[in-house]
Amino acid sequence: MTTNKNDKFNARTVSEEGRSIVYLSGELDLSVAPDFRLVMEPLVGDSDVDLAINLKELKYIDSTGIGILLSILKARHSMNASFSVEEVPTQIQKLFDMTGIAKFFEPQENSQ
C-alpha cells in the first residue's frame, strides 16, 4: 500500500491479487495534480493489473483532475487494460454528467 498525503488531498493505493485500487479523498485540483500523477504513473503502465479509482471520499474535482482521469482512461484503453472509476459521489457524478464524460467511466456504484 502506498499513500500520498497533504492537507487537502490524499491518494491511498491498495494492491491485491491482480487489482490496484486508488482511494482518493479531499480535493483533486490543479494544486495537487503533480502529486496525483506521481501516484498514478507506475500503476497506469502496468497492463497486467486491473486498475480502479475509488472516489467515495473525494469532495471536489476540477477540470485538471478530470483531464488526468481522461488521460489515464486513454492510456489504459490503448494498452487494452482495464480501468474503472468506483463509488462516485453524487455531486461529482453530476459534474461528470454535465461534462459528458460519465459514459466513459461507467461507475460500478454511486454513493449518496
N, C-alpha and C. Protein backbone atom coordinates (compact mmCIF):
# COMPACT_ATOMS: atom_id res chain seq x y z
N MET A 1 0.85 -1.17 0.00
CA MET A 1 0.00 0.00 0.00
C MET A 1 0.90 1.24 0.00
N THR A 2 0.57 2.18 -0.86
CA THR A 2 1.28 3.44 -0.87
C THR A 2 0.30 4.56 -0.57
N THR A 3 0.82 5.60 0.05
CA THR A 3 -0.03 6.73 0.39
C THR A 3 0.69 8.02 0.03
N ASN A 4 -0.05 8.94 -0.56
CA ASN A 4 0.44 10.28 -0.81
C ASN A 4 -0.56 11.20 -0.14
N LYS A 5 -0.08 11.99 0.80
CA LYS A 5 -0.99 12.76 1.62
C LYS A 5 -0.51 14.20 1.77
N ASN A 6 -1.41 15.13 1.63
CA ASN A 6 -1.15 16.50 2.04
C ASN A 6 -2.40 17.01 2.75
N ASP A 7 -2.43 18.28 3.08
CA ASP A 7 -3.53 18.79 3.89
C ASP A 7 -4.91 18.69 3.24
N LYS A 8 -4.96 18.78 1.92
CA LYS A 8 -6.29 18.79 1.30
C LYS A 8 -6.57 17.63 0.36
N PHE A 9 -5.58 16.79 0.09
CA PHE A 9 -5.76 15.69 -0.84
C PHE A 9 -4.99 14.47 -0.36
N ASN A 10 -5.60 13.30 -0.53
CA ASN A 10 -4.93 12.06 -0.17
C ASN A 10 -5.23 11.01 -1.23
N ALA A 11 -4.19 10.28 -1.64
CA ALA A 11 -4.35 9.15 -2.56
C ALA A 11 -3.69 7.95 -1.90
N ARG A 12 -4.50 6.92 -1.66
CA ARG A 12 -4.01 5.71 -1.00
C ARG A 12 -4.23 4.54 -1.96
N THR A 13 -3.17 3.79 -2.21
CA THR A 13 -3.24 2.66 -3.14
C THR A 13 -3.23 1.35 -2.39
N VAL A 14 -4.18 0.49 -2.74
CA VAL A 14 -4.24 -0.85 -2.18
C VAL A 14 -4.14 -1.82 -3.35
N SER A 15 -3.13 -2.70 -3.28
CA SER A 15 -2.95 -3.69 -4.34
C SER A 15 -3.27 -5.06 -3.79
N GLU A 16 -4.11 -5.78 -4.52
CA GLU A 16 -4.46 -7.14 -4.14
C GLU A 16 -4.44 -7.95 -5.44
N GLU A 17 -4.41 -9.22 -5.34
CA GLU A 17 -4.30 -10.14 -6.47
C GLU A 17 -4.81 -9.58 -7.80
N GLY A 18 -3.89 -9.08 -8.61
CA GLY A 18 -4.24 -8.64 -9.95
C GLY A 18 -5.05 -7.37 -10.05
N ARG A 19 -5.17 -6.62 -8.95
CA ARG A 19 -6.00 -5.41 -8.95
C ARG A 19 -5.38 -4.35 -8.05
N SER A 20 -5.34 -3.14 -8.55
CA SER A 20 -4.90 -2.00 -7.75
C SER A 20 -6.05 -1.00 -7.68
N ILE A 21 -6.36 -0.57 -6.45
CA ILE A 21 -7.42 0.42 -6.24
C ILE A 21 -6.78 1.65 -5.59
N VAL A 22 -7.02 2.80 -6.19
CA VAL A 22 -6.52 4.06 -5.64
C VAL A 22 -7.70 4.78 -5.02
N TYR A 23 -7.64 4.96 -3.71
CA TYR A 23 -8.70 5.65 -2.96
C TYR A 23 -8.34 7.12 -2.84
N LEU A 24 -9.17 7.99 -3.40
CA LEU A 24 -8.92 9.42 -3.34
C LEU A 24 -9.82 10.06 -2.30
N SER A 25 -9.28 11.04 -1.58
CA SER A 25 -10.09 11.81 -0.64
C SER A 25 -9.64 13.26 -0.67
N GLY A 26 -10.56 14.13 -0.31
CA GLY A 26 -10.26 15.56 -0.29
C GLY A 26 -10.62 16.22 -1.60
N GLU A 27 -9.71 17.05 -2.10
CA GLU A 27 -9.95 17.85 -3.30
C GLU A 27 -8.87 17.58 -4.34
N LEU A 28 -9.29 17.16 -5.52
CA LEU A 28 -8.36 16.92 -6.63
C LEU A 28 -8.46 18.10 -7.59
N ASP A 29 -7.45 18.97 -7.53
CA ASP A 29 -7.44 20.15 -8.39
C ASP A 29 -6.02 20.43 -8.87
N LEU A 30 -5.85 21.54 -9.55
CA LEU A 30 -4.56 21.90 -10.15
C LEU A 30 -3.41 21.86 -9.15
N SER A 31 -3.66 22.28 -7.92
CA SER A 31 -2.58 22.38 -6.94
C SER A 31 -2.02 21.02 -6.51
N VAL A 32 -2.82 19.97 -6.62
CA VAL A 32 -2.35 18.63 -6.20
C VAL A 32 -2.16 17.69 -7.39
N ALA A 33 -2.38 18.19 -8.60
CA ALA A 33 -2.24 17.35 -9.80
C ALA A 33 -0.88 16.66 -9.89
N PRO A 34 0.24 17.34 -9.61
CA PRO A 34 1.54 16.64 -9.67
C PRO A 34 1.62 15.46 -8.70
N ASP A 35 1.06 15.62 -7.51
CA ASP A 35 1.05 14.53 -6.52
C ASP A 35 0.25 13.34 -7.05
N PHE A 36 -0.91 13.63 -7.61
CA PHE A 36 -1.77 12.57 -8.14
C PHE A 36 -1.08 11.85 -9.31
N ARG A 37 -0.44 12.61 -10.18
CA ARG A 37 0.28 11.99 -11.31
C ARG A 37 1.39 11.07 -10.82
N LEU A 38 2.11 11.47 -9.77
CA LEU A 38 3.18 10.63 -9.22
C LEU A 38 2.64 9.29 -8.70
N VAL A 39 1.48 9.34 -8.07
CA VAL A 39 0.87 8.11 -7.57
C VAL A 39 0.45 7.22 -8.73
N MET A 40 -0.14 7.82 -9.76
CA MET A 40 -0.74 7.05 -10.84
C MET A 40 0.26 6.53 -11.88
N GLU A 41 1.34 7.24 -12.07
CA GLU A 41 2.28 6.89 -13.15
C GLU A 41 2.70 5.42 -13.18
N PRO A 42 3.18 4.85 -12.09
CA PRO A 42 3.59 3.44 -12.16
C PRO A 42 2.42 2.47 -12.34
N LEU A 43 1.24 2.87 -11.91
CA LEU A 43 0.07 1.99 -11.99
C LEU A 43 -0.52 1.95 -13.40
N VAL A 44 -0.54 3.09 -14.05
CA VAL A 44 -1.16 3.20 -15.37
C VAL A 44 -0.45 2.31 -16.39
N GLY A 45 0.86 2.23 -16.30
CA GLY A 45 1.63 1.46 -17.26
C GLY A 45 1.62 -0.04 -17.06
N ASP A 46 1.07 -0.52 -15.98
CA ASP A 46 1.04 -1.96 -15.69
C ASP A 46 -0.24 -2.57 -16.23
N SER A 47 -0.18 -3.06 -17.46
CA SER A 47 -1.39 -3.58 -18.11
C SER A 47 -1.83 -4.93 -17.58
N ASP A 48 -1.01 -5.57 -16.76
CA ASP A 48 -1.36 -6.86 -16.20
C ASP A 48 -2.28 -6.75 -14.98
N VAL A 49 -2.46 -5.52 -14.49
CA VAL A 49 -3.25 -5.29 -13.29
C VAL A 49 -4.51 -4.51 -13.65
N ASP A 50 -5.65 -4.92 -13.10
CA ASP A 50 -6.88 -4.15 -13.23
C ASP A 50 -6.74 -2.91 -12.35
N LEU A 51 -7.02 -1.76 -12.90
CA LEU A 51 -6.84 -0.50 -12.19
C LEU A 51 -8.20 0.15 -11.93
N ALA A 52 -8.42 0.55 -10.70
CA ALA A 52 -9.66 1.24 -10.33
C ALA A 52 -9.32 2.44 -9.46
N ILE A 53 -10.13 3.48 -9.61
CA ILE A 53 -10.03 4.66 -8.75
C ILE A 53 -11.34 4.78 -8.00
N ASN A 54 -11.25 4.84 -6.68
CA ASN A 54 -12.42 4.94 -5.83
C ASN A 54 -12.56 6.40 -5.38
N LEU A 55 -13.70 7.00 -5.70
CA LEU A 55 -13.92 8.42 -5.40
C LEU A 55 -14.84 8.67 -4.21
N LYS A 56 -15.15 7.63 -3.46
CA LYS A 56 -16.13 7.76 -2.38
C LYS A 56 -15.85 8.94 -1.45
N GLU A 57 -14.60 9.20 -1.12
CA GLU A 57 -14.25 10.26 -0.17
C GLU A 57 -13.77 11.54 -0.86
N LEU A 58 -13.89 11.61 -2.19
CA LEU A 58 -13.48 12.82 -2.91
C LEU A 58 -14.57 13.87 -2.77
N LYS A 59 -14.18 15.06 -2.36
CA LYS A 59 -15.15 16.14 -2.14
C LYS A 59 -15.27 17.07 -3.35
N TYR A 60 -14.20 17.18 -4.14
CA TYR A 60 -14.17 18.15 -5.22
C TYR A 60 -13.18 17.68 -6.29
N ILE A 61 -13.52 17.94 -7.55
CA ILE A 61 -12.59 17.70 -8.65
C ILE A 61 -12.76 18.83 -9.65
N ASP A 62 -11.66 19.35 -10.17
CA ASP A 62 -11.75 20.42 -11.16
C ASP A 62 -11.38 19.87 -12.54
N SER A 63 -11.28 20.75 -13.52
CA SER A 63 -11.01 20.30 -14.89
C SER A 63 -9.65 19.63 -15.02
N THR A 64 -8.69 20.02 -14.22
CA THR A 64 -7.38 19.38 -14.25
C THR A 64 -7.50 17.93 -13.80
N GLY A 65 -8.21 17.70 -12.72
CA GLY A 65 -8.42 16.34 -12.23
C GLY A 65 -9.17 15.49 -13.23
N ILE A 66 -10.21 16.06 -13.84
CA ILE A 66 -10.96 15.34 -14.87
C ILE A 66 -10.04 15.01 -16.04
N GLY A 67 -9.20 15.95 -16.41
CA GLY A 67 -8.26 15.72 -17.51
C GLY A 67 -7.30 14.57 -17.22
N ILE A 68 -6.86 14.47 -15.98
CA ILE A 68 -5.96 13.37 -15.61
C ILE A 68 -6.71 12.04 -15.70
N LEU A 69 -7.94 12.00 -15.21
CA LEU A 69 -8.73 10.77 -15.31
C LEU A 69 -8.91 10.36 -16.77
N LEU A 70 -9.18 11.33 -17.64
CA LEU A 70 -9.35 11.02 -19.05
C LEU A 70 -8.04 10.54 -19.69
N SER A 71 -6.91 11.12 -19.28
CA SER A 71 -5.63 10.67 -19.84
C SER A 71 -5.31 9.24 -19.37
N ILE A 72 -5.68 8.90 -18.14
CA ILE A 72 -5.50 7.53 -17.64
C ILE A 72 -6.37 6.58 -18.46
N LEU A 73 -7.62 6.98 -18.66
CA LEU A 73 -8.55 6.16 -19.45
C LEU A 73 -7.98 5.91 -20.85
N LYS A 74 -7.49 6.95 -21.48
CA LYS A 74 -6.94 6.83 -22.84
C LYS A 74 -5.71 5.91 -22.86
N ALA A 75 -4.82 6.09 -21.90
CA ALA A 75 -3.61 5.26 -21.83
C ALA A 75 -3.96 3.79 -21.60
N ARG A 76 -4.86 3.55 -20.67
CA ARG A 76 -5.26 2.17 -20.37
C ARG A 76 -5.98 1.54 -21.57
N HIS A 77 -6.80 2.32 -22.25
CA HIS A 77 -7.52 1.82 -23.42
C HIS A 77 -6.53 1.43 -24.52
N SER A 78 -5.50 2.24 -24.73
CA SER A 78 -4.52 1.95 -25.78
C SER A 78 -3.72 0.68 -25.48
N MET A 79 -3.64 0.32 -24.20
CA MET A 79 -2.94 -0.92 -23.80
C MET A 79 -3.91 -2.09 -23.68
N ASN A 80 -5.19 -1.83 -23.95
CA ASN A 80 -6.24 -2.84 -23.77
C ASN A 80 -6.25 -3.35 -22.33
N ALA A 81 -6.09 -2.42 -21.39
CA ALA A 81 -6.05 -2.74 -19.96
C ALA A 81 -7.27 -2.13 -19.28
N SER A 82 -7.74 -2.80 -18.25
CA SER A 82 -8.97 -2.33 -17.59
C SER A 82 -8.73 -1.10 -16.72
N PHE A 83 -9.76 -0.27 -16.66
CA PHE A 83 -9.75 0.93 -15.82
C PHE A 83 -11.19 1.24 -15.46
N SER A 84 -11.43 1.46 -14.17
CA SER A 84 -12.78 1.82 -13.74
C SER A 84 -12.71 2.90 -12.67
N VAL A 85 -13.82 3.62 -12.56
CA VAL A 85 -14.00 4.63 -11.52
C VAL A 85 -15.16 4.15 -10.68
N GLU A 86 -14.93 4.03 -9.37
CA GLU A 86 -15.90 3.42 -8.48
C GLU A 86 -16.41 4.42 -7.43
N GLU A 87 -17.63 4.17 -6.96
CA GLU A 87 -18.25 4.91 -5.86
C GLU A 87 -18.13 6.42 -6.02
N VAL A 88 -18.70 6.90 -7.11
CA VAL A 88 -18.65 8.33 -7.43
C VAL A 88 -19.70 9.07 -6.59
N PRO A 89 -19.28 10.05 -5.79
CA PRO A 89 -20.26 10.82 -5.01
C PRO A 89 -21.24 11.56 -5.93
N THR A 90 -22.42 11.80 -5.44
CA THR A 90 -23.48 12.42 -6.23
C THR A 90 -23.05 13.73 -6.87
N GLN A 91 -22.39 14.62 -6.11
CA GLN A 91 -22.02 15.92 -6.67
C GLN A 91 -20.98 15.79 -7.78
N ILE A 92 -20.11 14.80 -7.68
CA ILE A 92 -19.11 14.59 -8.73
C ILE A 92 -19.75 13.88 -9.92
N GLN A 93 -20.68 12.98 -9.67
CA GLN A 93 -21.41 12.33 -10.76
C GLN A 93 -22.16 13.37 -11.59
N LYS A 94 -22.75 14.35 -10.93
CA LYS A 94 -23.46 15.42 -11.65
C LYS A 94 -22.50 16.17 -12.57
N LEU A 95 -21.30 16.45 -12.09
CA LEU A 95 -20.29 17.12 -12.91
C LEU A 95 -19.89 16.24 -14.09
N PHE A 96 -19.69 14.94 -13.84
CA PHE A 96 -19.37 14.01 -14.92
C PHE A 96 -20.48 13.98 -15.96
N ASP A 97 -21.73 14.01 -15.50
CA ASP A 97 -22.88 14.01 -16.41
C ASP A 97 -22.93 15.30 -17.23
N MET A 98 -22.73 16.44 -16.57
CA MET A 98 -22.79 17.74 -17.25
C MET A 98 -21.69 17.89 -18.30
N THR A 99 -20.52 17.35 -18.02
CA THR A 99 -19.41 17.48 -18.96
C THR A 99 -19.42 16.40 -20.03
N GLY A 100 -20.30 15.42 -19.88
CA GLY A 100 -20.41 14.37 -20.88
C GLY A 100 -19.40 13.25 -20.75
N ILE A 101 -18.66 13.20 -19.65
CA ILE A 101 -17.64 12.16 -19.51
C ILE A 101 -18.14 10.93 -18.75
N ALA A 102 -19.33 11.02 -18.17
CA ALA A 102 -19.84 9.91 -17.36
C ALA A 102 -19.86 8.61 -18.14
N LYS A 103 -20.20 8.69 -19.42
CA LYS A 103 -20.30 7.48 -20.24
C LYS A 103 -18.98 6.75 -20.38
N PHE A 104 -17.87 7.45 -20.19
CA PHE A 104 -16.55 6.82 -20.33
C PHE A 104 -16.13 6.06 -19.08
N PHE A 105 -16.68 6.42 -17.94
CA PHE A 105 -16.24 5.82 -16.69
C PHE A 105 -17.10 4.67 -16.20
N GLU A 106 -18.39 4.70 -16.48
CA GLU A 106 -19.29 3.64 -16.07
C GLU A 106 -19.02 3.16 -14.64
N PRO A 107 -19.30 4.02 -13.65
CA PRO A 107 -19.01 3.64 -12.27
C PRO A 107 -19.81 2.42 -11.85
N GLN A 108 -19.19 1.59 -10.99
CA GLN A 108 -19.84 0.39 -10.52
C GLN A 108 -20.91 0.70 -9.48
N GLU A 109 -20.66 1.68 -8.62
CA GLU A 109 -21.62 2.06 -7.60
C GLU A 109 -21.60 3.57 -7.45
N ASN A 110 -22.74 4.12 -7.18
CA ASN A 110 -22.82 5.55 -6.84
C ASN A 110 -23.18 5.67 -5.38
N SER A 111 -22.45 6.50 -4.66
CA SER A 111 -22.79 6.72 -3.26
C SER A 111 -23.62 7.99 -3.15
N GLN A 112 -24.34 8.10 -2.10
CA GLN A 112 -25.15 9.30 -1.88
C GLN A 112 -24.38 10.23 -1.08
